[in-house]
N, C-alpha and C. Protein backbone atom coordinates (compact mmCIF):
# COMPACT_ATOMS: atom_id res chain seq x y z
N UNK A 1 168.06 -156.94 101.59
CA UNK A 1 169.23 -156.41 101.78
C UNK A 1 169.37 -154.66 102.52
N UNK A 2 170.16 -154.63 103.29
CA UNK A 2 170.18 -153.38 104.24
C UNK A 2 171.06 -152.31 103.41
N UNK A 3 171.17 -150.99 104.23
CA UNK A 3 171.99 -150.47 103.27
C UNK A 3 173.53 -150.37 103.21
N UNK A 4 173.91 -150.95 104.64
CA UNK A 4 175.44 -150.86 104.61
C UNK A 4 175.63 -152.12 103.54
N UNK A 5 175.05 -153.39 103.30
CA UNK A 5 175.23 -154.42 102.48
C UNK A 5 174.95 -154.17 101.26
N UNK A 6 174.39 -152.78 100.72
CA UNK A 6 174.16 -152.59 99.70
C UNK A 6 175.34 -151.06 99.03
N UNK A 7 176.12 -150.67 100.43
CA UNK A 7 177.12 -150.16 99.73
C UNK A 7 178.31 -150.74 99.79
N UNK A 8 178.76 -151.73 100.40
CA UNK A 8 179.32 -153.13 100.60
C UNK A 8 179.83 -153.70 99.15
N UNK A 9 178.36 -154.11 98.59
CA UNK A 9 178.47 -154.56 97.42
C UNK A 9 178.68 -153.79 95.88
N UNK A 10 178.48 -152.40 96.32
CA UNK A 10 178.55 -151.63 95.39
C UNK A 10 180.39 -150.73 95.48
N UNK A 11 180.58 -151.07 96.43
CA UNK A 11 182.18 -150.66 96.06
C UNK A 11 182.86 -152.14 95.91
N UNK A 12 182.49 -153.09 96.24
CA UNK A 12 183.28 -154.47 95.79
C UNK A 12 182.72 -154.25 94.22
N UNK A 13 181.77 -153.94 93.61
CA UNK A 13 181.55 -153.78 91.96
C UNK A 13 182.28 -152.85 91.47
N UNK A 14 182.83 -151.61 92.63
CA UNK A 14 183.33 -150.96 91.63
C UNK A 14 184.78 -150.87 91.37
N UNK A 15 185.20 -151.44 93.00
CA UNK A 15 186.71 -152.28 92.88
C UNK A 15 187.29 -153.06 91.85
N UNK A 16 186.10 -154.45 91.47
CA UNK A 16 186.72 -155.09 90.80
C UNK A 16 186.81 -154.44 89.04
N UNK A 17 185.44 -153.76 88.62
CA UNK A 17 185.83 -152.86 87.65
C UNK A 17 187.28 -151.99 87.23
N UNK A 18 187.54 -151.74 89.05
CA UNK A 18 188.73 -150.79 88.28
C UNK A 18 190.10 -151.54 88.46
N UNK A 19 189.92 -153.24 89.11
CA UNK A 19 191.03 -154.04 88.90
C UNK A 19 190.70 -154.61 87.66
N UNK A 20 190.00 -154.68 86.70
CA UNK A 20 189.31 -155.10 85.63
C UNK A 20 190.31 -154.35 84.45
N UNK A 21 190.37 -153.17 84.36
CA UNK A 21 190.28 -152.23 83.68
C UNK A 21 192.02 -152.17 83.69
N UNK A 22 192.67 -152.42 84.43
CA UNK A 22 194.22 -152.49 85.20
C UNK A 22 194.81 -153.80 85.05
N UNK A 23 193.82 -154.94 84.48
CA UNK A 23 194.38 -156.29 84.37
C UNK A 23 195.92 -156.81 84.02
N UNK A 24 196.28 -155.93 83.34
CA UNK A 24 197.26 -156.63 82.15
C UNK A 24 198.45 -155.63 83.48
N UNK A 25 198.15 -154.89 84.72
CA UNK A 25 199.33 -155.10 85.77
C UNK A 25 198.31 -155.14 86.82
N UNK A 26 198.27 -156.55 87.15
CA UNK A 26 196.88 -156.62 88.15
C UNK A 26 197.64 -156.80 89.01
N UNK A 27 199.16 -157.25 89.89
CA UNK A 27 199.84 -157.13 90.95
C UNK A 27 200.33 -155.81 91.50
N UNK A 28 200.53 -154.73 90.61
CA UNK A 28 200.78 -153.45 90.87
C UNK A 28 198.79 -153.17 91.23
N UNK A 29 198.58 -153.49 90.49
CA UNK A 29 196.81 -152.54 90.99
C UNK A 29 196.12 -153.21 92.38
N UNK A 30 196.59 -154.57 92.94
CA UNK A 30 196.48 -154.64 93.99
C UNK A 30 197.19 -154.58 95.36
N UNK A 31 198.19 -154.55 94.85
CA UNK A 31 198.94 -153.71 95.79
C UNK A 31 198.65 -152.35 95.94
N UNK A 32 198.28 -151.54 95.05
CA UNK A 32 197.85 -150.03 95.34
C UNK A 32 196.72 -150.11 96.26
N UNK A 33 195.52 -150.82 95.75
CA UNK A 33 194.12 -150.92 96.44
C UNK A 33 194.47 -151.33 97.93
N UNK A 34 195.35 -152.25 98.12
CA UNK A 34 195.80 -152.89 99.50
C UNK A 34 196.48 -151.17 100.76
N UNK A 35 197.32 -150.72 99.46
CA UNK A 35 198.13 -149.50 100.57
C UNK A 35 197.24 -148.76 100.60
N UNK A 36 196.36 -148.13 99.60
CA UNK A 36 194.84 -147.21 99.84
C UNK A 36 194.34 -147.55 101.04
N UNK A 37 193.56 -148.93 101.00
CA UNK A 37 192.80 -149.65 102.39
C UNK A 37 193.72 -149.23 103.50
N UNK A 38 194.63 -149.31 103.57
CA UNK A 38 195.68 -149.38 104.81
C UNK A 38 195.77 -148.19 105.12
N UNK A 39 195.68 -147.29 104.41
CA UNK A 39 196.32 -145.59 104.39
C UNK A 39 194.80 -145.35 105.16
N UNK A 40 193.61 -145.40 104.25
CA UNK A 40 192.54 -144.96 105.19
C UNK A 40 192.14 -145.32 106.39
N UNK A 41 192.75 -146.77 106.82
CA UNK A 41 192.22 -147.57 107.88
C UNK A 41 193.34 -146.78 109.04
N UNK A 42 194.00 -146.24 108.70
CA UNK A 42 195.35 -145.80 109.17
C UNK A 42 194.79 -144.50 109.72
N UNK A 43 194.32 -143.58 109.03
CA UNK A 43 193.80 -142.11 108.57
C UNK A 43 192.59 -142.33 109.77
N UNK A 44 191.05 -143.63 109.79
CA UNK A 44 190.53 -143.12 110.39
C UNK A 44 190.31 -143.91 111.23
N UNK A 45 191.18 -145.10 111.87
CA UNK A 45 191.11 -145.53 113.08
C UNK A 45 193.04 -145.12 114.26
N UNK A 46 194.00 -145.09 113.28
CA UNK A 46 195.23 -144.94 113.94
C UNK A 46 196.23 -146.06 113.39
N UNK A 47 196.95 -146.35 114.02
CA UNK A 47 198.22 -147.21 113.98
C UNK A 47 197.81 -148.86 114.21
N UNK A 48 197.42 -148.45 115.87
CA UNK A 48 197.14 -149.32 116.71
C UNK A 48 196.55 -150.50 116.26
N UNK A 49 195.12 -149.54 116.07
CA UNK A 49 193.33 -150.38 115.27
C UNK A 49 193.85 -151.27 114.49
N UNK A 50 194.44 -150.16 113.43
CA UNK A 50 194.82 -150.73 112.10
C UNK A 50 195.67 -152.02 111.99
N UNK A 51 196.80 -151.89 113.21
CA UNK A 51 197.52 -153.29 113.12
C UNK A 51 196.73 -154.37 113.74
N UNK A 52 195.76 -154.21 114.49
CA UNK A 52 194.29 -155.28 114.96
C UNK A 52 194.01 -155.81 113.78
N UNK A 53 193.47 -154.87 113.26
CA UNK A 53 192.47 -155.11 111.59
C UNK A 53 193.23 -156.45 111.06
N UNK A 54 194.91 -155.73 110.49
CA UNK A 54 195.61 -156.44 109.85
C UNK A 54 195.96 -158.09 110.65
N UNK A 55 195.94 -157.92 111.76
CA UNK A 55 196.31 -159.14 113.06
C UNK A 55 194.89 -160.01 112.31
N UNK A 56 193.96 -159.42 112.22
CA UNK A 56 192.74 -160.66 112.45
C UNK A 56 192.61 -160.72 111.01
N UNK A 57 193.21 -159.87 109.68
CA UNK A 57 192.82 -160.30 108.41
C UNK A 57 193.92 -161.54 108.28
N UNK A 58 194.86 -161.31 108.87
CA UNK A 58 196.11 -162.59 108.54
C UNK A 58 195.30 -164.00 109.05
N UNK A 59 194.81 -163.78 110.40
CA UNK A 59 194.20 -165.28 110.52
C UNK A 59 192.78 -165.59 109.78
N UNK A 60 192.63 -164.65 109.57
CA UNK A 60 191.09 -164.99 108.21
C UNK A 60 192.06 -165.51 107.17
N UNK A 61 192.69 -165.32 106.58
CA UNK A 61 193.49 -165.88 105.48
C UNK A 61 194.12 -167.20 105.89
N UNK A 62 194.87 -167.04 106.63
CA UNK A 62 195.22 -168.60 107.32
C UNK A 62 194.37 -169.57 107.71
N UNK A 63 192.91 -169.00 107.99
CA UNK A 63 192.39 -169.94 108.38
C UNK A 63 191.18 -170.43 107.25
N UNK A 64 191.83 -169.90 106.00
CA UNK A 64 190.72 -170.26 104.64
C UNK A 64 189.34 -169.77 103.95
N UNK A 65 189.13 -168.71 104.72
CA UNK A 65 188.07 -167.88 104.44
C UNK A 65 188.34 -166.99 103.21
N UNK A 66 189.54 -167.07 102.74
CA UNK A 66 189.64 -166.72 101.59
C UNK A 66 190.03 -167.00 100.44
N UNK A 67 189.76 -168.53 100.20
CA UNK A 67 189.85 -169.44 99.45
C UNK A 67 188.91 -168.98 98.12
N UNK A 68 189.57 -168.80 96.85
CA UNK A 68 188.84 -168.38 95.83
C UNK A 68 187.65 -169.38 95.59
N UNK A 69 187.53 -170.66 95.97
CA UNK A 69 186.37 -171.18 96.19
C UNK A 69 185.42 -171.89 97.45
N UNK A 70 186.07 -171.05 98.28
CA UNK A 70 185.39 -171.31 99.64
C UNK A 70 183.78 -171.12 99.61
N UNK A 71 182.69 -171.47 100.52
CA UNK A 71 181.44 -171.23 100.38
C UNK A 71 181.34 -169.67 100.87
N UNK A 72 182.06 -169.45 101.83
CA UNK A 72 181.96 -168.03 102.68
C UNK A 72 182.29 -167.13 101.58
N UNK A 73 183.24 -167.06 100.63
CA UNK A 73 184.16 -166.30 99.76
C UNK A 73 182.64 -166.04 98.25
N UNK A 74 182.58 -167.24 98.25
CA UNK A 74 181.45 -167.27 97.23
C UNK A 74 180.10 -166.39 97.54
N UNK A 75 179.62 -166.56 98.65
CA UNK A 75 178.36 -166.37 99.40
C UNK A 75 178.60 -164.16 99.37
N UNK A 76 179.65 -164.19 99.38
CA UNK A 76 179.62 -162.86 99.20
C UNK A 76 180.38 -161.83 98.06
N UNK A 77 180.14 -162.98 97.16
CA UNK A 77 180.79 -162.41 96.16
C UNK A 77 179.63 -161.76 95.14
N UNK A 78 179.65 -160.83 93.98
CA UNK A 78 179.15 -160.56 93.27
C UNK A 78 178.63 -160.98 92.08
N UNK A 79 179.72 -162.03 92.23
CA UNK A 79 179.66 -162.54 90.85
C UNK A 79 179.19 -163.98 90.55
């Protein structure tokens, strides 16, 4: 596992712990995670590049790459 993959897995783990902590307000917590991530992308890349990333994310969701039980999702999951 290279350094970038290790960091990504640690971030995923920390975010999962945070969402579990606030599971009684799951949708509110998820909304804040998404908003914060978008804010960070805008700060780092600007609005135009962030919009491009969001378009790619929409296509990824529509193509089924984020289904809970998809092989791709299971491969990337820590669980």
